Amino acid sequence: MILASKKYVLALVAWAIMIFSMGCELEPSYEEGILDSGEVDQVPMPDSSEPNGKEDLQVDIRKMSLGNKKHPEPLGTNLPKEHSMKDIQKPTKPGEEFNFAFSHVDRELVDHLEVAHELMSRKEKDVAGAILELEKALYDDPSDYDSALMLADIARGSERFELSTDAYMLCTQLDPDSSEPWNGLARLSLSHKQLDQAEQLAKRALHLNPKSSMANNILGRIWLERSHWGKAISYLRKAVELAPENIYFVNNLGFAYLLSRDFQSAVETLEPVSEKPGARAFMINNLGLAYEGMGRVQDATVMFKKAIGISPRYVNAKINLKRIVQVAKRDQAFSPDSEIDQANDQDTDGQPEDLIIGDDDEI
């Protein structure tokens, strides 16, 4: 009799669990992405060629993925369960919501964010030390948006993609109206050639902030990857309009003109950049290619040599200089001096001599 009653109770419990589970919404599964170094799949072209940040986008981060080039990792595998802002600001245990908070006890009051800035401002940046300080800051105050955003940016730059993703995700919850973490997630996706995902994220950022120069730059680079020059130029022009002092954005616009074979526009865009103190070797190299496209061989040669002077190990400029010298010799366009001959003799790692190489940026 007692045994029968126990079986009856167990049956009731099992039945109750079954009914309860039928009414629960299951956690969406993560889609793991595989990084493909081959050609990008064709995607439908938008109806309009103008940048538009007004679309009502619903980006479901949980269904997105990010592959590490060496060790594929799904984007958001460590995302927290849904919770309110109050829960983030006052968790049961500091750092409980995310796994990157570093447990510690300070003997005196320390501004870990300020320390992290100091470590990153050194000539030899202490990336590991800065990350540790920011993890301490988030342990002390899990609602510290500035520390979370800096941690996400540094982790992305040092290729700690899972840590970066988690930190950006925390930022989207701490400040739902900020476009910065969405731009960060878009840049992560773009760096791994996940173009559709990057576009969704960048458009989400643009929806939150229609004047985001970074979002426009990212969308421009996405369309460069898709070889859609007109669309890329449209977004990159907007980025430069919003942030004309950003030489990386200007370089990307010049690079887009270069790829579209509008050499005159490329020269007009890149010439001002080449005179600025912070000009990078690849920017000078792009200007050289634009000059070459216009038939200004002497000017192109000067730019390739200048790029090598800025970065002696920069192979692309060496290849371009060696090629243009050989072409000029064949065409007897000019007599190269000894400096050009020396550059012509430098090792180019066995790259094809007729290869013309330009660059966009890493931002």
Foldseek 3Di string as FASTA:
>chain_A
DVVVVVVVVVVVVVVVVVVVVVPDDDDDAEDFDDQDPDADDDDDDDPDLADDLADPADDDQRHAAFQQPVGTDGQCPLQFDDDALVCQFDPPAQPPRGDQADDDDDPDDDDLQVVLVVQCPDPPRPLVSSLNSLSPVSNVTVLPLVSLLVNLVSCVVVVVNRSNSRSLSSNCRSPVLALSSLLSVLLSRVVSVVLVSSLSSLSNSCNSPVLDLSSLQSQLVSVVSVVNLSSSLNSLVSSCVSPVPPLLSLLSNLVSCVSVLVLVVSLVSLVVLVPDPPRALLSLQSNLSSCVSVVNLVSSLVSLVVSCVRPVVPLLSLLVLLLSVVVCVVVVVDDDDPVSVVSNPDDNPPDDSNDHDHDRDSD
